[in-house]
Amino acid sequence: MLYRRSLRNLIRMICLSTLLITSHVAAETLVLAQLSDRPKKDFKQLRPMAKYVAKQLGHVGITRAEVRLFSELDELVEAVKNGDVHWVTETPYSAAVLVHEADAVPLVMKWKSRQQRYQTLIYTHKDSGLKSLQDLNGKRIAFEHNNSFSSYYLPRLILEKQGQRLNQIKGLHAEQDSNKVNYLFSRNEKNNLLWVHKQLVEAGALNDGDWQNPGRVPEALKAELRIIYRSKPYPRALELVSSKLSAERAAALKALLLGMTPDSHGKLLSRYEKTSGFEALNDDVPKLLAEIYNNSRNWAE
């Protein structure tokens, strides 16, 4: 509770600093938003792109930009629904909720962290004795947080499709259900990795981009770990807009993003969460978002 309160206060301070930069929020202000548990870093990554886009969209009446960060998904949903936020960059799970609860409109797919697609990896310590997902019954798995696609929604769905039942526990020393897969939230990929490495939990879930990044999974630690499951690839991230944003402005934003390449906008894209480009939506995206949303609504926490 103290952590969430401190995070909200920090996010409010950052948003206030944005308001001071951009003056008051007027009709011509484009507001870019994201969920965040590390607001200083995320603000630094999003602000240059928002500022650049605002300068390029003067022909449709956009003259300034603001970045807003949210610690809770329901708060972001309300802001998008009300039109207080116009543009969101998010991973598939949060995008699915925004589409179905806030009438957000998917705009393009984003190659975040230089990945067009990514996979969920379920992994364990090399000495755990676990060989397959079925071995997780009665054991503990660490997910990152309940808004994560690759480290909550997808691994949970995979386990349930294997016929396993899940039980949320509140901490590392909480009582476990011997007939279910017990899960808890590590809050970030670093904790996820360390809990498995120190054998505080039997398994964890990360995406393959984190796994291949030595800054997040050092080779010395990786040698002590073992992957027991890889999912199929999924879209890495999506850019969405509020249905309250005019069709003209949404179309202009879409065209601008799709026109950005590493050759033409390499430095700007790299600062924007290490993006390497954007991709037009395909027919699978609406189906995927609907599946994500419908499945997750059945999960009563």
Protein backbone atom coordinates (compact mmCIF):
# COMPACT_ATOMS: atom_id res chain seq x y z
CA MET A 1 0.00 0.00 0.00
CA LEU A 2 2.83 2.40 0.91
CA TYR A 3 4.58 1.52 -2.36
CA ARG A 4 1.45 2.27 -4.44
CA ARG A 5 0.84 5.55 -2.56
CA SER A 6 4.42 6.69 -3.14
CA LEU A 7 4.19 5.70 -6.80
CA ARG A 8 0.97 7.68 -7.29
CA ASN A 9 2.53 10.74 -5.67
CA LEU A 10 5.59 10.50 -7.91
CA ILE A 11 3.43 10.15 -11.01
CA ARG A 12 1.38 13.20 -9.97
CA MET A 13 4.58 15.22 -9.58
CA ILE A 14 5.78 14.21 -13.05
CA CYS A 15 2.42 15.00 -14.62
CA LEU A 16 2.44 18.40 -12.88
CA SER A 17 5.88 19.13 -14.34
CA THR A 18 4.47 18.28 -17.77
CA LEU A 19 1.61 20.71 -17.27
CA LEU A 20 4.11 23.44 -16.42
CA ILE A 21 5.97 22.70 -19.66
CA THR A 22 2.88 22.65 -21.84
CA SER A 23 0.70 25.22 -20.09
CA HIS A 24 -2.94 24.28 -19.67
CA VAL A 25 -4.45 21.28 -21.47
CA ALA A 26 -6.44 22.68 -24.34
CA ALA A 27 -8.25 21.11 -27.27
CA GLU A 28 -5.08 21.24 -29.38
CA THR A 29 -3.01 19.37 -26.79
CA LEU A 30 -2.24 15.74 -27.62
CA VAL A 31 -2.00 13.60 -24.48
CA LEU A 32 0.13 10.43 -24.63
CA ALA A 33 -0.26 7.99 -21.74
CA GLN A 34 0.98 4.68 -20.41
CA LEU A 35 0.78 2.49 -17.32
CA SER A 36 3.93 2.89 -15.26
CA ASP A 37 5.62 1.61 -12.13
CA ARG A 38 8.82 3.53 -12.95
CA PRO A 39 7.53 7.01 -13.87
CA LYS A 40 10.84 8.86 -14.12
CA LYS A 41 12.21 6.42 -16.67
CA ASP A 42 8.98 6.11 -18.64
CA PHE A 43 8.42 9.87 -18.78
CA LYS A 44 11.93 10.29 -20.17
CA GLN A 45 11.22 7.67 -22.86
CA LEU A 46 7.81 8.99 -23.93
CA ARG A 47 8.32 12.75 -23.79
CA PRO A 48 10.56 13.17 -26.91
CA MET A 49 8.11 11.25 -29.12
CA ALA A 50 5.10 13.17 -27.83
CA LYS A 51 6.88 16.49 -28.39
CA TYR A 52 7.97 15.52 -31.91
CA VAL A 53 4.52 14.29 -32.94
CA ALA A 54 2.88 17.48 -31.70
CA LYS A 55 5.22 19.53 -33.90
CA GLN A 56 4.36 17.42 -36.94
CA LEU A 57 0.59 17.54 -36.52
CA GLY A 58 0.10 21.27 -36.68
CA HIS A 59 -1.87 20.86 -39.91
CA VAL A 60 -4.63 19.08 -37.94
CA GLY A 61 -4.60 21.58 -35.10
CA ILE A 62 -2.21 19.90 -32.66
CA THR A 63 0.17 22.45 -31.16
CA ARG A 64 1.51 20.88 -27.96
CA ALA A 65 1.86 17.54 -26.17
CA GLU A 66 1.58 16.16 -22.67
CA VAL A 67 2.66 12.83 -21.19
CA ARG A 68 0.53 11.29 -18.45
CA LEU A 69 1.46 8.15 -16.54
CA PHE A 70 -0.93 5.95 -14.57
CA SER A 71 -0.23 3.45 -11.82
CA GLU A 72 -3.62 1.70 -12.20
CA LEU A 73 -5.27 0.37 -15.34
CA ASP A 74 -8.78 1.38 -14.28
CA GLU A 75 -7.63 5.00 -13.98
CA LEU A 76 -6.18 4.89 -17.50
CA VAL A 77 -9.40 3.32 -18.81
CA GLU A 78 -11.45 6.17 -17.36
CA ALA A 79 -9.12 8.82 -18.80
CA VAL A 80 -9.25 7.29 -22.30
CA LYS A 81 -13.02 6.87 -22.11
CA ASN A 82 -13.47 10.52 -21.14
CA GLY A 83 -11.11 11.75 -23.82
CA ASP A 84 -8.63 13.14 -21.26
CA VAL A 85 -6.03 10.85 -22.86
CA HIS A 86 -5.85 10.70 -26.66
CA TRP A 87 -3.02 8.29 -27.39
CA VAL A 88 -1.79 5.24 -25.48
CA THR A 89 1.20 2.94 -25.97
CA GLU A 90 0.67 -0.40 -24.25
CA THR A 91 1.18 -4.16 -24.39
CA PRO A 92 -1.64 -6.51 -25.54
CA TYR A 93 -3.36 -7.17 -22.21
CA SER A 94 -3.80 -3.50 -21.27
CA ALA A 95 -4.69 -2.74 -24.89
CA ALA A 96 -7.46 -5.37 -24.78
CA VAL A 97 -8.98 -3.81 -21.67
CA LEU A 98 -8.77 -0.32 -23.18
CA VAL A 99 -10.49 -1.47 -26.37
CA HIS A 100 -13.34 -3.24 -24.59
CA GLU A 101 -13.88 -0.93 -21.63
CA ALA A 102 -12.81 2.49 -22.92
CA ASP A 103 -13.71 2.16 -26.62
CA ALA A 104 -10.07 2.74 -27.55
CA VAL A 105 -9.15 2.18 -31.18
CA PRO A 106 -6.00 0.19 -32.09
CA LEU A 107 -3.91 2.26 -34.48
CA VAL A 108 -0.66 0.41 -35.28
CA MET A 109 1.56 -2.31 -33.87
CA LYS A 110 4.77 -1.16 -32.21
CA TRP A 111 8.13 -2.93 -32.41
CA LYS A 112 9.03 -2.18 -28.81
CA SER A 113 12.47 -3.10 -27.47
CA ARG A 114 13.39 -3.85 -31.09
CA GLN A 115 10.96 -6.80 -31.14
CA GLN A 116 8.18 -7.20 -33.70
CA ARG A 117 6.84 -10.17 -31.76
CA TYR A 118 7.67 -11.71 -28.42
CA GLN A 119 7.15 -14.94 -26.49
CA THR A 120 6.47 -15.88 -22.92
CA LEU A 121 9.07 -18.12 -21.33
CA ILE A 122 8.30 -20.15 -18.22
CA TYR A 123 11.54 -21.08 -16.53
CA THR A 124 12.91 -22.71 -13.39
CA HIS A 125 16.18 -23.28 -11.54
CA LYS A 126 18.29 -25.96 -13.20
CA ASP A 127 18.21 -28.03 -9.98
CA SER A 128 14.46 -27.73 -9.33
CA GLY A 129 13.56 -31.09 -10.84
CA LEU A 130 10.69 -29.52 -12.83
CA LYS A 131 10.48 -30.80 -16.38
CA SER A 132 7.09 -29.62 -17.64
CA LEU A 133 4.16 -27.35 -16.78
CA GLN A 134 2.36 -30.26 -15.13
CA ASP A 135 5.12 -30.35 -12.53
CA LEU A 136 4.00 -26.92 -11.29
CA ASN A 137 1.00 -28.33 -9.41
CA GLY A 138 1.53 -27.58 -5.73
CA LYS A 139 4.44 -25.28 -6.58
CA ARG A 140 4.86 -21.50 -6.88
CA ILE A 141 5.32 -19.38 -9.98
CA ALA A 142 6.18 -15.67 -9.98
CA PHE A 143 4.39 -13.36 -12.42
CA GLU A 144 5.44 -9.71 -12.71
CA HIS A 145 2.17 -7.81 -12.16
CA ASN A 146 -1.49 -8.23 -13.01
CA ASN A 147 -1.37 -5.92 -16.05
CA SER A 148 1.45 -7.82 -17.74
CA PHE A 149 0.67 -9.69 -20.94
CA SER A 150 3.85 -11.77 -21.13
CA SER A 151 4.32 -12.30 -17.40
CA TYR A 152 0.75 -12.77 -16.19
CA TYR A 153 -2.05 -13.04 -18.70
CA LEU A 154 -0.35 -15.32 -21.20
CA PRO A 155 1.37 -17.77 -18.81
CA ARG A 156 -1.81 -18.00 -16.76
CA LEU A 157 -3.86 -18.75 -19.88
CA ILE A 158 -1.31 -21.36 -20.97
CA LEU A 159 -1.50 -23.11 -17.61
CA GLU A 160 -5.29 -23.10 -17.61
CA LYS A 161 -5.41 -24.51 -21.13
CA GLN A 162 -3.24 -27.35 -19.82
CA GLY A 163 -6.04 -28.09 -17.36
CA GLN A 164 -4.34 -26.62 -14.30
CA ARG A 165 -6.06 -24.50 -11.67
CA LEU A 166 -4.38 -21.46 -10.16
CA ASN A 167 -4.33 -20.05 -6.66
CA GLN A 168 -3.06 -16.57 -5.81
CA ILE A 169 -0.91 -16.29 -2.71
CA LYS A 170 0.06 -13.00 -1.08
CA GLY A 171 3.72 -13.59 -0.31
CA LEU A 172 6.69 -15.92 -0.42
CA HIS A 173 5.81 -17.47 2.93
CA ALA A 174 2.05 -17.75 2.38
CA GLU A 175 0.27 -21.10 2.65
CA GLN A 176 0.09 -22.97 -0.65
CA ASP A 177 -2.57 -25.18 -2.23
CA SER A 178 -1.05 -28.58 -2.97
CA ASN A 179 -3.54 -29.22 -5.80
CA LYS A 180 -3.09 -25.94 -7.69
CA VAL A 181 -0.39 -23.79 -9.24
CA ASN A 182 0.26 -21.09 -6.67
CA TYR A 183 1.18 -17.69 -8.09
CA LEU A 184 2.31 -14.36 -6.71
CA PHE A 185 3.52 -11.09 -8.19
CA SER A 186 7.21 -10.15 -8.20
CA ARG A 187 6.49 -6.57 -9.39
CA ASN A 188 9.35 -6.50 -11.92
CA GLU A 189 11.60 -8.73 -14.01
CA LYS A 190 14.57 -8.34 -11.66
CA ASN A 191 12.67 -9.75 -8.68
CA ASN A 192 11.21 -12.45 -10.91
CA LEU A 193 14.66 -13.60 -11.93
CA LEU A 194 16.20 -13.43 -8.46
CA TRP A 195 13.34 -15.27 -6.76
CA VAL A 196 13.76 -18.20 -9.15
CA HIS A 197 17.55 -18.12 -9.00
CA LYS A 198 17.53 -18.12 -5.19
CA GLN A 199 14.85 -20.85 -5.30
CA LEU A 200 12.39 -18.74 -3.32
CA VAL A 201 9.82 -19.86 -5.93
CA GLU A 202 9.94 -22.83 -8.23
CA ALA A 203 9.26 -21.00 -11.52
CA GLY A 204 8.93 -17.60 -13.12
CA ALA A 205 7.68 -16.02 -16.34
CA LEU A 206 9.57 -13.55 -18.53
CA ASN A 207 9.40 -12.56 -22.17
CA ASP A 208 12.16 -13.66 -24.51
CA GLY A 209 13.40 -10.08 -24.95
CA ASP A 210 14.21 -9.84 -21.24
CA TRP A 211 15.75 -13.32 -21.35
CA GLN A 212 18.10 -12.36 -24.18
CA ASN A 213 19.09 -9.06 -22.56
CA PRO A 214 22.31 -9.51 -20.51
CA GLY A 215 21.42 -6.35 -18.60
CA ARG A 216 18.33 -8.08 -17.24
CA VAL A 217 19.37 -11.73 -17.28
CA PRO A 218 23.16 -11.93 -16.89
CA GLU A 219 24.78 -14.95 -18.51
CA ALA A 220 26.08 -16.18 -15.16
CA LEU A 221 22.53 -16.36 -13.79
CA LYS A 222 21.07 -17.74 -17.01
CA ALA A 223 23.45 -20.70 -16.73
CA GLU A 224 21.68 -21.61 -13.47
CA LEU A 225 18.21 -21.51 -15.03
CA ARG A 226 16.28 -23.71 -17.44
CA ILE A 227 13.32 -22.94 -19.75
CA ILE A 228 10.46 -25.45 -19.55
CA TYR A 229 7.98 -23.72 -21.90
CA ARG A 230 7.95 -21.25 -24.80
CA SER A 231 4.72 -19.72 -26.09
CA LYS A 232 4.06 -18.86 -29.71
CA PRO A 233 4.97 -15.28 -30.73
CA TYR A 234 2.55 -12.40 -30.07
CA PRO A 235 2.54 -8.69 -31.03
CA ARG A 236 4.99 -6.81 -28.83
CA ALA A 237 2.95 -3.64 -28.25
CA LEU A 238 0.24 -1.45 -29.73
CA GLU A 239 -0.49 2.23 -30.19
CA LEU A 240 -4.12 3.08 -29.53
CA VAL A 241 -6.22 6.25 -29.62
CA SER A 242 -9.30 7.39 -27.76
CA SER A 243 -12.54 7.27 -29.72
CA LYS A 244 -12.90 10.93 -28.69
CA LEU A 245 -9.91 11.86 -30.87
CA SER A 246 -11.14 13.08 -34.26
CA ALA A 247 -10.82 10.74 -37.23
CA GLU A 248 -8.67 13.34 -38.99
CA ARG A 249 -6.18 13.53 -36.12
CA ALA A 250 -6.13 9.77 -35.63
CA ALA A 251 -5.41 9.25 -39.33
CA ALA A 252 -2.65 11.86 -39.26
CA LEU A 253 -1.03 10.24 -36.22
CA LYS A 254 -1.24 6.80 -37.85
CA ALA A 255 0.36 8.01 -41.08
CA LEU A 256 3.12 9.76 -39.17
CA LEU A 257 3.99 6.69 -37.08
CA LEU A 258 3.94 4.30 -40.03
CA GLY A 259 6.30 6.63 -41.90
CA MET A 260 8.97 6.45 -39.21
CA THR A 261 11.91 4.12 -39.92
CA PRO A 262 15.29 3.55 -38.26
CA ASP A 263 16.88 5.37 -41.21
CA SER A 264 14.66 8.43 -41.00
CA HIS A 265 13.99 8.62 -37.24
CA GLY A 266 16.45 6.20 -35.64
CA LYS A 267 17.41 8.27 -32.60
CA LEU A 268 13.84 9.30 -31.79
CA LEU A 269 12.53 5.74 -32.16
CA SER A 270 15.30 4.35 -30.00
CA ARG A 271 14.45 6.80 -27.22
CA TYR A 272 10.80 5.73 -27.48
CA GLU A 273 11.25 2.46 -25.55
CA LYS A 274 13.86 1.23 -28.05
CA THR A 275 11.29 1.10 -30.82
CA SER A 276 12.51 0.00 -34.23
CA GLY A 277 9.34 0.82 -36.17
CA PHE A 278 5.58 0.48 -36.48
CA GLU A 279 3.45 -1.97 -38.44
CA ALA A 280 -0.05 -1.75 -39.87
CA LEU A 281 -2.67 -3.80 -38.04
CA ASN A 282 -3.68 -7.17 -39.45
CA ASP A 283 -6.94 -9.10 -39.08
CA ASP A 284 -5.55 -11.13 -36.18
CA VAL A 285 -5.23 -8.15 -33.82
CA PRO A 286 -8.96 -7.57 -33.07
CA LYS A 287 -9.42 -11.33 -32.58
CA LEU A 288 -6.44 -11.50 -30.23
CA LEU A 289 -7.63 -8.54 -28.15
CA ALA A 290 -11.13 -10.01 -27.89
CA GLU A 291 -9.73 -13.38 -26.80
CA ILE A 292 -7.50 -11.74 -24.21
CA TYR A 293 -10.33 -9.69 -22.76
CA ASN A 294 -12.94 -12.46 -22.71
CA ASN A 295 -10.61 -14.96 -21.08
CA SER A 296 -9.36 -12.54 -18.44
CA ARG A 297 -12.91 -11.55 -17.43
CA ASN A 298 -13.37 -15.08 -16.10
CA TRP A 299 -10.57 -14.60 -13.59
CA ALA A 300 -11.95 -13.51 -10.26
CA GLU A 301 -9.06 -12.27 -8.15
